[in-house]
Amino acid sequence: MRFLGKGGFAKCYEVRRLEPIECEEDETKTMALKVVPKANLTRTKARQKLTSEIKIHRSLNNEYVVRFDRYFEDKENVYIMLDICHN
């Protein structure tokens, strides 16, 4: 993993996805992983904002919008996996 940057409530890393991806010849793929600490989501409004971001982003399919892959969470963080945009 390589650190890419941070925003208001999350950090973003470049990661290598190791599980196979449908229609991909290469089984590994570089992705961007947005990591949101659950400690930043203690207020209801912050949690709703993240839920809305995920809901909206997963519904978009446009060549000018970064492709949403999936999200998942553990005890400490919510993770949002996106296609990586270089430069």
N, C-alpha and C. Protein backbone atom coordinates (compact mmCIF):
# COMPACT_ATOMS: atom_id res chain seq x y z
N MET A 1 0.84 -1.19 0.00
CA MET A 1 0.00 0.00 0.00
C MET A 1 0.88 1.24 0.00
N ARG A 2 0.38 2.24 -0.70
CA ARG A 2 1.08 3.53 -0.75
C ARG A 2 0.07 4.62 -0.42
N PHE A 3 0.45 5.53 0.47
CA PHE A 3 -0.41 6.64 0.87
C PHE A 3 -0.55 7.62 -0.29
N LEU A 4 -1.78 7.99 -0.64
CA LEU A 4 -2.02 8.94 -1.73
C LEU A 4 -2.37 10.33 -1.23
N GLY A 5 -3.13 10.41 -0.14
CA GLY A 5 -3.53 11.71 0.37
C GLY A 5 -4.66 11.58 1.38
N LYS A 6 -5.09 12.73 1.89
CA LYS A 6 -6.17 12.73 2.86
C LYS A 6 -7.12 13.87 2.61
N GLY A 7 -8.33 13.68 3.09
CA GLY A 7 -9.36 14.70 2.96
C GLY A 7 -9.88 15.06 4.34
N GLY A 8 -11.09 15.55 4.39
CA GLY A 8 -11.68 16.00 5.64
C GLY A 8 -11.87 14.91 6.68
N PHE A 9 -12.22 13.71 6.25
CA PHE A 9 -12.47 12.66 7.23
C PHE A 9 -11.96 11.28 6.79
N ALA A 10 -11.09 11.24 5.78
CA ALA A 10 -10.60 9.95 5.29
C ALA A 10 -9.18 10.08 4.74
N LYS A 11 -8.52 8.93 4.64
CA LYS A 11 -7.22 8.84 3.99
C LYS A 11 -7.37 7.90 2.81
N CYS A 12 -6.55 8.10 1.78
CA CYS A 12 -6.64 7.28 0.59
C CYS A 12 -5.29 6.63 0.30
N TYR A 13 -5.35 5.34 -0.05
CA TYR A 13 -4.15 4.56 -0.32
C TYR A 13 -4.26 3.88 -1.68
N GLU A 14 -3.11 3.67 -2.30
CA GLU A 14 -3.05 2.84 -3.50
C GLU A 14 -2.83 1.41 -3.02
N VAL A 15 -3.67 0.49 -3.47
CA VAL A 15 -3.57 -0.90 -3.04
C VAL A 15 -3.60 -1.82 -4.25
N ARG A 16 -3.15 -3.01 -4.06
CA ARG A 16 -3.19 -4.01 -5.13
C ARG A 16 -4.25 -5.02 -4.76
N ARG A 17 -5.25 -5.13 -5.60
CA ARG A 17 -6.33 -6.08 -5.39
C ARG A 17 -5.87 -7.45 -5.90
N LEU A 18 -5.93 -8.46 -5.05
CA LEU A 18 -5.39 -9.76 -5.41
C LEU A 18 -6.43 -10.76 -5.87
N GLU A 19 -7.69 -10.53 -5.56
CA GLU A 19 -8.72 -11.48 -6.00
C GLU A 19 -9.06 -11.24 -7.46
N PRO A 20 -9.45 -12.27 -8.18
CA PRO A 20 -9.78 -12.11 -9.60
C PRO A 20 -10.92 -11.13 -9.82
N ILE A 21 -10.83 -10.42 -10.92
CA ILE A 21 -11.87 -9.47 -11.31
C ILE A 21 -12.46 -9.96 -12.62
N GLU A 22 -13.78 -10.02 -12.69
CA GLU A 22 -14.43 -10.49 -13.92
C GLU A 22 -13.96 -9.69 -15.13
N CYS A 23 -13.73 -10.39 -16.23
CA CYS A 23 -13.36 -9.78 -17.51
C CYS A 23 -11.98 -9.13 -17.50
N GLU A 24 -11.17 -9.43 -16.50
CA GLU A 24 -9.82 -8.88 -16.45
C GLU A 24 -8.83 -10.01 -16.73
N GLU A 25 -7.90 -9.78 -17.62
CA GLU A 25 -6.86 -10.78 -17.87
C GLU A 25 -5.90 -10.87 -16.69
N ASP A 26 -5.53 -9.73 -16.16
CA ASP A 26 -4.61 -9.68 -15.03
C ASP A 26 -5.43 -9.86 -13.75
N GLU A 27 -5.05 -10.82 -12.94
CA GLU A 27 -5.82 -11.08 -11.73
C GLU A 27 -5.58 -10.05 -10.64
N THR A 28 -4.52 -9.26 -10.77
CA THR A 28 -4.28 -8.20 -9.80
C THR A 28 -4.54 -6.86 -10.46
N LYS A 29 -4.97 -5.91 -9.68
CA LYS A 29 -5.29 -4.60 -10.23
C LYS A 29 -5.02 -3.55 -9.17
N THR A 30 -4.41 -2.44 -9.58
CA THR A 30 -4.19 -1.34 -8.66
C THR A 30 -5.49 -0.57 -8.48
N MET A 31 -5.83 -0.32 -7.23
CA MET A 31 -7.08 0.36 -6.90
C MET A 31 -6.77 1.47 -5.89
N ALA A 32 -7.73 2.35 -5.68
CA ALA A 32 -7.64 3.34 -4.61
C ALA A 32 -8.55 2.86 -3.49
N LEU A 33 -8.06 2.93 -2.26
CA LEU A 33 -8.83 2.51 -1.10
C LEU A 33 -8.98 3.70 -0.16
N LYS A 34 -10.21 4.15 -0.01
CA LYS A 34 -10.52 5.26 0.88
C LYS A 34 -10.84 4.66 2.25
N VAL A 35 -10.14 5.10 3.28
CA VAL A 35 -10.30 4.55 4.62
C VAL A 35 -10.91 5.63 5.52
N VAL A 36 -12.10 5.35 6.03
CA VAL A 36 -12.81 6.29 6.89
C VAL A 36 -12.87 5.70 8.30
N PRO A 37 -12.17 6.30 9.28
CA PRO A 37 -12.25 5.80 10.65
C PRO A 37 -13.67 5.96 11.21
N LYS A 38 -14.16 4.91 11.84
CA LYS A 38 -15.49 4.99 12.43
C LYS A 38 -15.55 6.02 13.56
N ALA A 39 -14.39 6.34 14.12
CA ALA A 39 -14.34 7.39 15.15
C ALA A 39 -14.79 8.73 14.59
N ASN A 40 -14.65 8.91 13.27
CA ASN A 40 -15.10 10.15 12.62
C ASN A 40 -16.60 10.12 12.32
N LEU A 41 -17.26 9.02 12.58
CA LEU A 41 -18.67 8.86 12.23
C LEU A 41 -19.56 8.79 13.46
N THR A 42 -19.12 9.37 14.56
CA THR A 42 -19.90 9.29 15.79
C THR A 42 -21.17 10.13 15.71
N ARG A 43 -21.14 11.22 14.97
CA ARG A 43 -22.34 12.04 14.80
C ARG A 43 -23.21 11.43 13.72
N THR A 44 -24.51 11.41 13.94
CA THR A 44 -25.47 10.83 13.00
C THR A 44 -25.33 11.47 11.62
N LYS A 45 -25.13 12.77 11.58
CA LYS A 45 -25.01 13.46 10.29
C LYS A 45 -23.81 12.97 9.49
N ALA A 46 -22.69 12.72 10.16
CA ALA A 46 -21.49 12.24 9.47
C ALA A 46 -21.74 10.84 8.90
N ARG A 47 -22.39 9.99 9.66
CA ARG A 47 -22.69 8.63 9.19
C ARG A 47 -23.65 8.68 8.00
N GLN A 48 -24.66 9.54 8.06
CA GLN A 48 -25.62 9.69 6.96
C GLN A 48 -24.92 10.21 5.71
N LYS A 49 -23.97 11.12 5.88
CA LYS A 49 -23.23 11.68 4.75
C LYS A 49 -22.41 10.58 4.05
N LEU A 50 -21.77 9.72 4.82
CA LEU A 50 -21.00 8.62 4.25
C LEU A 50 -21.92 7.62 3.55
N THR A 51 -23.04 7.31 4.16
CA THR A 51 -24.01 6.39 3.56
C THR A 51 -24.52 6.95 2.24
N SER A 52 -24.80 8.24 2.19
CA SER A 52 -25.25 8.89 0.95
C SER A 52 -24.16 8.86 -0.11
N GLU A 53 -22.92 9.12 0.28
CA GLU A 53 -21.80 9.09 -0.66
C GLU A 53 -21.70 7.71 -1.31
N ILE A 54 -21.78 6.67 -0.51
CA ILE A 54 -21.68 5.31 -1.03
C ILE A 54 -22.85 5.01 -1.95
N LYS A 55 -24.03 5.35 -1.53
CA LYS A 55 -25.25 5.08 -2.31
C LYS A 55 -25.21 5.79 -3.66
N ILE A 56 -24.82 7.05 -3.67
CA ILE A 56 -24.77 7.83 -4.91
C ILE A 56 -23.65 7.32 -5.81
N HIS A 57 -22.46 7.12 -5.23
CA HIS A 57 -21.31 6.73 -6.03
C HIS A 57 -21.50 5.36 -6.68
N ARG A 58 -22.10 4.41 -5.97
CA ARG A 58 -22.30 3.08 -6.55
C ARG A 58 -23.34 3.09 -7.66
N SER A 59 -24.19 4.11 -7.71
CA SER A 59 -25.23 4.18 -8.74
C SER A 59 -24.74 4.85 -10.03
N LEU A 60 -23.57 5.50 -9.97
CA LEU A 60 -23.07 6.24 -11.13
C LEU A 60 -22.30 5.33 -12.09
N ASN A 61 -22.48 5.58 -13.36
CA ASN A 61 -21.75 4.85 -14.39
C ASN A 61 -21.48 5.82 -15.53
N ASN A 62 -20.34 6.52 -15.43
CA ASN A 62 -20.01 7.57 -16.39
C ASN A 62 -18.51 7.59 -16.58
N GLU A 63 -18.06 7.76 -17.80
CA GLU A 63 -16.63 7.73 -18.07
C GLU A 63 -15.86 8.86 -17.38
N TYR A 64 -16.54 9.89 -16.91
CA TYR A 64 -15.89 11.02 -16.27
C TYR A 64 -15.97 10.96 -14.74
N VAL A 65 -16.50 9.88 -14.20
CA VAL A 65 -16.61 9.70 -12.75
C VAL A 65 -15.84 8.45 -12.37
N VAL A 66 -15.02 8.55 -11.33
CA VAL A 66 -14.25 7.40 -10.86
C VAL A 66 -15.20 6.25 -10.54
N ARG A 67 -14.84 5.05 -11.03
CA ARG A 67 -15.73 3.89 -10.85
C ARG A 67 -15.64 3.36 -9.42
N PHE A 68 -16.80 3.22 -8.81
CA PHE A 68 -16.94 2.61 -7.49
C PHE A 68 -16.88 1.10 -7.65
N ASP A 69 -16.08 0.44 -6.85
CA ASP A 69 -15.97 -1.02 -6.92
C ASP A 69 -16.79 -1.68 -5.82
N ARG A 70 -16.52 -1.33 -4.59
CA ARG A 70 -17.23 -1.91 -3.45
C ARG A 70 -16.88 -1.16 -2.18
N TYR A 71 -17.64 -1.45 -1.12
CA TYR A 71 -17.25 -0.96 0.19
C TYR A 71 -17.40 -2.10 1.18
N PHE A 72 -16.67 -2.00 2.27
CA PHE A 72 -16.75 -2.97 3.34
C PHE A 72 -16.28 -2.29 4.61
N GLU A 73 -16.48 -2.94 5.74
CA GLU A 73 -16.07 -2.33 6.99
C GLU A 73 -15.63 -3.39 7.99
N ASP A 74 -14.86 -2.93 8.98
CA ASP A 74 -14.49 -3.76 10.11
C ASP A 74 -14.83 -2.97 11.37
N LYS A 75 -14.31 -3.40 12.48
CA LYS A 75 -14.65 -2.76 13.75
C LYS A 75 -14.22 -1.29 13.82
N GLU A 76 -13.11 -0.96 13.13
CA GLU A 76 -12.54 0.38 13.26
C GLU A 76 -12.76 1.31 12.08
N ASN A 77 -12.94 0.76 10.85
CA ASN A 77 -12.99 1.61 9.65
C ASN A 77 -14.06 1.16 8.67
N VAL A 78 -14.43 2.10 7.80
CA VAL A 78 -15.22 1.81 6.60
C VAL A 78 -14.25 2.01 5.43
N TYR A 79 -14.26 1.07 4.49
CA TYR A 79 -13.34 1.09 3.35
C TYR A 79 -14.15 1.22 2.06
N ILE A 80 -13.74 2.13 1.20
CA ILE A 80 -14.39 2.32 -0.09
C ILE A 80 -13.33 2.08 -1.16
N MET A 81 -13.56 1.08 -2.01
CA MET A 81 -12.60 0.74 -3.06
C MET A 81 -13.07 1.34 -4.38
N LEU A 82 -12.15 2.08 -5.02
CA LEU A 82 -12.45 2.79 -6.26
C LEU A 82 -11.35 2.51 -7.29
N ASP A 83 -11.66 2.73 -8.55
CA ASP A 83 -10.61 2.71 -9.56
C ASP A 83 -9.64 3.85 -9.22
N ILE A 84 -8.39 3.63 -9.52
CA ILE A 84 -7.39 4.65 -9.22
C ILE A 84 -7.26 5.60 -10.41
N CYS A 85 -7.06 6.88 -10.11
CA CYS A 85 -6.85 7.89 -11.14
C CYS A 85 -5.43 8.42 -10.96
N HIS A 86 -4.56 8.10 -11.88
CA HIS A 86 -3.18 8.57 -11.81
C HIS A 86 -3.11 10.02 -12.28
N ASN A 87 -2.16 10.75 -11.73
CA ASN A 87 -1.95 12.18 -12.06
C ASN A 87 -3.11 13.02 -11.60
